Each structure stands twice: as C-alpha cells, then as structure tokens.
C-alpha cells in the first residue's frame, strides 16, 4: 500500500473505533436501581413464552414464562438508559406464530412493571 492509501484507511479505522466505543460508567457512582418486570402467563396450553425487551434495533431475551405461571425479570440497565418507553414481545415455543403480541410501556429506572399474557 502506498502512503496515500494508508492515511485514509487509518482515519477510517480510527473513526469507526471511536464511534462504536461504549460509555464507561463512573465507578464512584452507585449503580442505577434495578428495573423489574413481573410477567404473568394466563395461557392454559402447555408451552413456554419468550419475553423480549425491545429498544430500537436491539432485542434482549429476558427468559421463559411457562403456561399458567408468573416470573420476575430484571431488565438490564443499558436497555433503558436512553429511553422512556420499552416494548415487550412474547413468542411461543414450538409454534408457527412469529409473535403472540407486543406491548409498549413507559419506563423509568427503578420501576416495577407488570405484564399479563392472556
């Protein structure tokens, strides 16, 4: 490579690495309070439901809620850091359905949310 090709390439690599850097949290600050969601599955069929937190293009799997049960999940801090609304998606296991439903809720750090699957 010639020098005229190396410099633009190096600048491109530097720009990409800087733009993808994540925020480093200040270790002297206390961690933000846990934000939780209680998911009640009222479905009577014997299959599980996946619960996802949707935030922009990212999707975080929280866990599985079996039929006729209730589970509590902690929502990761980074998921709600830059938003005031969060969307939940439930998906069945072993079904042709891609999604059984979406629900969007307002959220602030430290809140306890409740979601019922009917």
N, C-alpha and C. Protein backbone atom coordinates (compact mmCIF):
# COMPACT_ATOMS: atom_id res chain seq x y z
N UNK A 1 0.84 -1.18 0.00
CA UNK A 1 0.00 0.00 0.00
C UNK A 1 0.87 1.23 0.00
N UNK A 2 0.44 2.21 -0.74
CA UNK A 2 1.17 3.48 -0.75
C UNK A 2 0.72 4.34 0.41
N UNK A 3 1.53 5.32 0.75
CA UNK A 3 1.22 6.20 1.87
C UNK A 3 -0.09 6.93 1.66
N UNK A 4 -0.44 7.28 0.42
CA UNK A 4 -1.69 7.99 0.17
C UNK A 4 -2.90 7.10 0.42
N UNK A 5 -2.72 5.78 0.41
CA UNK A 5 -3.81 4.85 0.69
C UNK A 5 -3.88 4.51 2.18
N UNK A 6 -2.74 4.52 2.85
CA UNK A 6 -2.68 4.13 4.26
C UNK A 6 -3.33 5.18 5.15
N UNK A 7 -3.10 6.46 4.88
CA UNK A 7 -3.63 7.52 5.75
C UNK A 7 -5.16 7.52 5.75
N UNK A 8 -5.84 7.50 4.60
CA UNK A 8 -7.31 7.46 4.66
C UNK A 8 -7.83 6.20 5.35
N UNK A 9 -7.16 5.07 5.12
CA UNK A 9 -7.57 3.82 5.75
C UNK A 9 -7.43 3.92 7.27
N UNK A 10 -6.33 4.47 7.73
CA UNK A 10 -6.10 4.63 9.17
C UNK A 10 -7.13 5.57 9.79
N UNK A 11 -7.49 6.63 9.08
CA UNK A 11 -8.50 7.55 9.58
C UNK A 11 -9.87 6.88 9.66
N UNK A 12 -10.18 6.04 8.68
CA UNK A 12 -11.44 5.32 8.69
C UNK A 12 -11.51 4.36 9.87
N UNK A 13 -10.43 3.63 10.11
CA UNK A 13 -10.39 2.70 11.25
C UNK A 13 -10.55 3.46 12.56
N UNK A 14 -9.89 4.59 12.69
CA UNK A 14 -9.98 5.40 13.90
C UNK A 14 -11.40 5.90 14.09
N UNK A 15 -12.05 6.38 13.04
CA UNK A 15 -13.41 6.90 13.14
C UNK A 15 -14.40 5.80 13.55
N UNK A 16 -14.27 4.63 12.96
CA UNK A 16 -15.17 3.53 13.29
C UNK A 16 -14.96 3.07 14.73
N UNK A 17 -13.73 2.98 15.17
CA UNK A 17 -13.48 2.52 16.54
C UNK A 17 -13.96 3.53 17.56
N UNK A 18 -13.87 4.81 17.27
CA UNK A 18 -14.35 5.82 18.20
C UNK A 18 -15.87 5.85 18.25
N UNK A 19 -16.53 5.67 17.11
CA UNK A 19 -17.98 5.74 17.09
C UNK A 19 -18.62 4.54 17.75
N UNK A 20 -17.94 3.41 17.80
CA UNK A 20 -18.54 2.22 18.40
C UNK A 20 -18.14 2.04 19.86
N UNK A 21 -17.38 2.97 20.41
CA UNK A 21 -16.98 2.85 21.81
C UNK A 21 -18.19 3.01 22.72
N UNK A 22 -18.29 2.19 23.75
CA UNK A 22 -19.40 2.27 24.68
C UNK A 22 -19.05 3.22 25.80
N UNK A 23 -20.12 3.80 26.40
CA UNK A 23 -19.91 4.69 27.53
C UNK A 23 -19.39 3.88 28.71
N UNK A 24 -18.36 4.41 29.37
CA UNK A 24 -17.83 3.77 30.57
C UNK A 24 -18.49 4.43 31.76
N UNK A 25 -19.10 3.62 32.60
CA UNK A 25 -19.79 4.16 33.76
C UNK A 25 -18.79 4.54 34.84
N UNK A 26 -19.09 5.60 35.54
CA UNK A 26 -18.24 6.11 36.61
C UNK A 26 -18.32 5.15 37.80
N UNK A 27 -17.19 4.51 38.18
CA UNK A 27 -17.23 3.54 39.28
C UNK A 27 -17.54 4.17 40.64
N UNK A 28 -17.38 5.49 40.76
CA UNK A 28 -17.66 6.13 42.05
C UNK A 28 -19.16 6.37 42.25
N UNK A 29 -19.94 6.30 41.17
CA UNK A 29 -21.39 6.47 41.28
C UNK A 29 -22.03 5.15 41.67
N UNK A 30 -23.10 5.21 42.47
CA UNK A 30 -23.80 3.96 42.78
C UNK A 30 -24.50 3.45 41.51
N UNK A 31 -24.66 2.14 41.39
CA UNK A 31 -25.34 1.61 40.20
C UNK A 31 -26.80 2.06 40.19
N UNK A 32 -27.39 2.19 39.01
CA UNK A 32 -28.80 2.57 38.96
C UNK A 32 -29.67 1.48 39.59
N UNK A 33 -30.83 1.86 40.11
CA UNK A 33 -31.69 0.85 40.73
C UNK A 33 -32.19 -0.15 39.69
N UNK A 34 -32.45 -1.39 40.14
CA UNK A 34 -32.96 -2.41 39.24
C UNK A 34 -34.37 -2.06 38.77
N UNK A 35 -34.58 -2.25 37.49
CA UNK A 35 -35.91 -2.13 36.91
C UNK A 35 -36.38 -3.55 36.64
N UNK A 36 -37.56 -3.89 37.13
CA UNK A 36 -38.02 -5.27 37.03
C UNK A 36 -39.37 -5.33 36.30
N UNK A 37 -39.67 -6.51 35.79
CA UNK A 37 -40.97 -6.75 35.19
C UNK A 37 -41.48 -8.10 35.70
N UNK A 38 -42.72 -8.10 36.14
CA UNK A 38 -43.39 -9.33 36.54
C UNK A 38 -44.27 -9.75 35.36
N UNK A 39 -44.07 -10.96 34.87
CA UNK A 39 -44.82 -11.46 33.72
C UNK A 39 -45.71 -12.61 34.18
N UNK A 40 -47.02 -12.42 34.00
CA UNK A 40 -47.99 -13.47 34.35
C UNK A 40 -48.50 -14.07 33.05
N UNK A 41 -48.35 -15.38 32.92
CA UNK A 41 -48.83 -16.09 31.74
C UNK A 41 -50.12 -16.80 32.11
N UNK A 42 -51.24 -16.34 31.57
CA UNK A 42 -52.54 -16.94 31.85
C UNK A 42 -52.97 -17.95 30.80
N UNK A 43 -52.10 -18.24 29.85
CA UNK A 43 -52.43 -19.23 28.82
C UNK A 43 -52.53 -20.61 29.47
N UNK A 44 -53.49 -21.41 29.00
CA UNK A 44 -53.72 -22.72 29.59
C UNK A 44 -53.02 -23.84 28.84
N UNK A 45 -52.52 -23.57 27.67
CA UNK A 45 -51.82 -24.61 26.92
C UNK A 45 -50.43 -24.80 27.50
N UNK A 46 -49.88 -25.98 27.29
CA UNK A 46 -48.61 -26.34 27.89
C UNK A 46 -47.44 -26.00 26.98
N UNK A 47 -47.12 -24.72 26.88
CA UNK A 47 -45.94 -24.29 26.15
C UNK A 47 -45.38 -23.04 26.80
N UNK A 48 -44.16 -22.75 26.50
CA UNK A 48 -43.48 -21.61 27.09
C UNK A 48 -43.60 -20.39 26.20
N UNK A 49 -43.38 -19.24 26.80
CA UNK A 49 -43.36 -17.98 26.08
C UNK A 49 -42.02 -17.29 26.32
N UNK A 50 -41.43 -16.80 25.26
CA UNK A 50 -40.23 -15.98 25.41
C UNK A 50 -40.66 -14.54 25.66
N UNK A 51 -39.94 -13.85 26.50
CA UNK A 51 -40.21 -12.45 26.76
C UNK A 51 -38.98 -11.66 26.35
N UNK A 52 -39.18 -10.69 25.49
CA UNK A 52 -38.09 -9.86 25.00
C UNK A 52 -38.33 -8.41 25.37
N UNK A 53 -37.26 -7.68 25.56
CA UNK A 53 -37.34 -6.23 25.71
C UNK A 53 -36.84 -5.64 24.42
N UNK A 54 -37.64 -4.81 23.80
CA UNK A 54 -37.28 -4.21 22.53
C UNK A 54 -36.89 -2.76 22.77
N UNK A 55 -35.75 -2.37 22.26
CA UNK A 55 -35.29 -0.99 22.40
C UNK A 55 -34.56 -0.64 21.12
N UNK A 56 -35.23 0.09 20.23
CA UNK A 56 -34.62 0.41 18.94
C UNK A 56 -34.39 -0.87 18.17
N UNK A 57 -33.16 -1.06 17.70
CA UNK A 57 -32.85 -2.26 16.92
C UNK A 57 -32.38 -3.42 17.80
N UNK A 58 -32.16 -3.16 19.07
CA UNK A 58 -31.66 -4.24 19.93
C UNK A 58 -32.81 -5.04 20.53
N UNK A 59 -32.53 -6.30 20.81
CA UNK A 59 -33.53 -7.19 21.42
C UNK A 59 -32.81 -8.02 22.45
N UNK A 60 -33.30 -7.99 23.66
CA UNK A 60 -32.68 -8.71 24.77
C UNK A 60 -33.68 -9.76 25.27
N UNK A 61 -33.25 -11.01 25.30
CA UNK A 61 -34.12 -12.08 25.81
C UNK A 61 -34.03 -12.08 27.33
N UNK A 62 -35.18 -11.92 27.98
CA UNK A 62 -35.20 -11.93 29.43
C UNK A 62 -35.34 -13.34 29.98
N UNK A 63 -36.13 -14.18 29.34
CA UNK A 63 -36.31 -15.54 29.84
C UNK A 63 -37.59 -16.16 29.35
N UNK A 64 -37.98 -17.24 29.99
CA UNK A 64 -39.15 -18.02 29.60
C UNK A 64 -40.17 -18.02 30.72
N UNK A 65 -41.44 -17.93 30.35
CA UNK A 65 -42.53 -17.99 31.32
C UNK A 65 -43.43 -19.16 30.93
N UNK A 66 -43.38 -20.26 31.67
CA UNK A 66 -44.23 -21.41 31.36
C UNK A 66 -45.72 -21.08 31.49
N UNK A 67 -46.56 -21.93 30.90
CA UNK A 67 -48.02 -21.73 30.97
C UNK A 67 -48.49 -21.68 32.42
N UNK A 68 -49.45 -20.81 32.67
CA UNK A 68 -50.09 -20.68 33.98
C UNK A 68 -49.10 -20.42 35.11
N UNK A 69 -48.13 -19.54 34.86
CA UNK A 69 -47.16 -19.22 35.90
C UNK A 69 -46.78 -17.74 35.83
N UNK A 70 -46.03 -17.31 36.82
CA UNK A 70 -45.56 -15.94 36.92
C UNK A 70 -44.06 -15.95 37.14
N UNK A 71 -43.35 -15.09 36.44
CA UNK A 71 -41.90 -14.97 36.60
C UNK A 71 -41.53 -13.49 36.70
N UNK A 72 -40.47 -13.21 37.45
CA UNK A 72 -39.93 -11.86 37.58
C UNK A 72 -38.58 -11.79 36.90
N UNK A 73 -38.33 -10.70 36.19
CA UNK A 73 -37.08 -10.49 35.48
C UNK A 73 -36.53 -9.12 35.79
N UNK A 74 -35.20 -9.02 35.81
CA UNK A 74 -34.52 -7.73 35.92
C UNK A 74 -34.17 -7.28 34.51
N UNK A 75 -34.57 -6.06 34.16
CA UNK A 75 -34.28 -5.51 32.84
C UNK A 75 -32.88 -4.90 32.90
N UNK A 76 -31.98 -5.27 31.99
CA UNK A 76 -30.62 -4.74 32.03
C UNK A 76 -30.60 -3.21 31.98
N UNK A 77 -29.73 -2.60 32.78
CA UNK A 77 -29.65 -1.14 32.88
C UNK A 77 -29.43 -0.48 31.52
N UNK A 78 -28.55 -1.05 30.70
CA UNK A 78 -28.23 -0.43 29.42
C UNK A 78 -29.42 -0.44 28.46
N UNK A 79 -30.39 -1.31 28.69
CA UNK A 79 -31.57 -1.37 27.83
C UNK A 79 -32.45 -0.14 27.99
N UNK A 80 -32.55 0.39 29.19
CA UNK A 80 -33.44 1.53 29.43
C UNK A 80 -32.70 2.84 29.67
N UNK A 81 -31.41 2.83 29.47
CA UNK A 81 -30.60 4.02 29.75
C UNK A 81 -31.06 5.25 28.95
N UNK A 82 -31.36 5.09 27.68
CA UNK A 82 -31.64 6.25 26.81
C UNK A 82 -33.08 6.27 26.29
N UNK A 83 -34.01 5.69 27.01
CA UNK A 83 -35.39 5.65 26.53
C UNK A 83 -36.36 5.84 27.68
N UNK A 84 -37.57 6.27 27.37
CA UNK A 84 -38.61 6.38 28.39
C UNK A 84 -39.78 5.43 28.10
N UNK A 85 -39.65 4.64 27.03
CA UNK A 85 -40.65 3.63 26.68
C UNK A 85 -39.93 2.34 26.31
N UNK A 86 -40.56 1.24 26.61
CA UNK A 86 -39.97 -0.06 26.32
C UNK A 86 -41.06 -0.96 25.76
N UNK A 87 -40.67 -1.82 24.82
CA UNK A 87 -41.65 -2.70 24.18
C UNK A 87 -41.32 -4.15 24.52
N UNK A 88 -42.33 -4.90 24.90
CA UNK A 88 -42.18 -6.31 25.22
C UNK A 88 -42.81 -7.12 24.10
N UNK A 89 -42.16 -8.21 23.74
CA UNK A 89 -42.69 -9.13 22.72
C UNK A 89 -42.69 -10.53 23.31
N UNK A 90 -43.79 -11.23 23.15
CA UNK A 90 -43.87 -12.61 23.62
C UNK A 90 -43.94 -13.52 22.40
N UNK A 91 -43.19 -14.60 22.45
CA UNK A 91 -43.15 -15.56 21.35
C UNK A 91 -43.31 -16.96 21.90
N UNK A 92 -44.15 -17.74 21.26
CA UNK A 92 -44.35 -19.10 21.71
C UNK A 92 -43.21 -20.00 21.25
N UNK A 93 -42.99 -21.05 21.98
CA UNK A 93 -42.01 -22.06 21.59
C UNK A 93 -42.78 -23.18 20.90
N UNK A 94 -42.28 -23.63 19.78
CA UNK A 94 -42.89 -24.75 19.08
C UNK A 94 -44.17 -24.41 18.35
N UNK A 95 -44.30 -23.16 17.91
CA UNK A 95 -45.49 -22.73 17.20
C UNK A 95 -45.09 -22.06 15.90
N UNK A 96 -45.99 -22.05 14.93
CA UNK A 96 -45.74 -21.35 13.68
C UNK A 96 -45.84 -19.83 13.84
N UNK A 97 -46.45 -19.38 14.92
CA UNK A 97 -46.61 -17.94 15.13
C UNK A 97 -45.26 -17.30 15.43
N UNK A 98 -44.98 -16.21 14.76
CA UNK A 98 -43.73 -15.48 15.00
C UNK A 98 -43.83 -14.72 16.30
N UNK A 99 -44.97 -14.10 16.55
CA UNK A 99 -45.15 -13.33 17.76
C UNK A 99 -46.59 -13.45 18.22
N UNK A 100 -46.77 -13.56 19.52
CA UNK A 100 -48.11 -13.59 20.07
C UNK A 100 -48.58 -12.20 20.51
N UNK A 101 -47.70 -11.22 20.46
CA UNK A 101 -48.13 -9.87 20.81
C UNK A 101 -46.99 -8.99 21.26
N UNK A 102 -47.21 -7.72 21.09
CA UNK A 102 -46.28 -6.69 21.55
C UNK A 102 -47.04 -5.78 22.50
N UNK A 103 -46.34 -5.28 23.49
CA UNK A 103 -46.93 -4.30 24.38
C UNK A 103 -45.86 -3.28 24.73
N UNK A 104 -46.19 -2.01 24.58
CA UNK A 104 -45.24 -0.94 24.88
C UNK A 104 -45.67 -0.26 26.18
N UNK A 105 -44.70 -0.05 27.06
CA UNK A 105 -44.99 0.56 28.36
C UNK A 105 -44.00 1.69 28.64
N UNK A 106 -44.45 2.74 29.35
CA UNK A 106 -43.50 3.75 29.80
C UNK A 106 -42.62 3.16 30.90
N UNK A 107 -41.36 3.60 30.99
CA UNK A 107 -40.45 3.03 31.97
C UNK A 107 -39.45 4.08 32.45
N UNK A 108 -39.12 4.01 33.73
CA UNK A 108 -38.02 4.77 34.31
C UNK A 108 -37.22 3.82 35.18
N UNK A 109 -35.95 4.11 35.34
CA UNK A 109 -35.06 3.24 36.13
C UNK A 109 -35.62 3.06 37.53
N UNK A 110 -35.62 1.82 38.01
CA UNK A 110 -36.08 1.52 39.36
C UNK A 110 -37.54 1.12 39.45
N UNK A 111 -38.27 1.19 38.35
CA UNK A 111 -39.67 0.85 38.36
C UNK A 111 -39.90 -0.66 38.39
N UNK A 112 -41.08 -1.06 38.85
CA UNK A 112 -41.51 -2.46 38.78
C UNK A 112 -42.70 -2.49 37.83
N UNK A 113 -42.52 -3.13 36.67
CA UNK A 113 -43.57 -3.21 35.66
C UNK A 113 -44.31 -4.54 35.78
N UNK A 114 -45.52 -4.57 35.24
CA UNK A 114 -46.31 -5.79 35.26
C UNK A 114 -46.86 -6.03 33.86
N UNK A 115 -46.77 -7.27 33.40
CA UNK A 115 -47.22 -7.65 32.07
C UNK A 115 -48.00 -8.95 32.20
N UNK A 116 -49.20 -9.00 31.61
CA UNK A 116 -50.02 -10.20 31.65
C UNK A 116 -50.21 -10.72 30.22
N UNK A 117 -49.98 -12.01 30.03
CA UNK A 117 -50.17 -12.66 28.73
C UNK A 117 -51.47 -13.44 28.83
N UNK A 118 -52.43 -13.08 27.96
CA UNK A 118 -53.75 -13.70 28.01
C UNK A 118 -54.04 -14.45 26.74
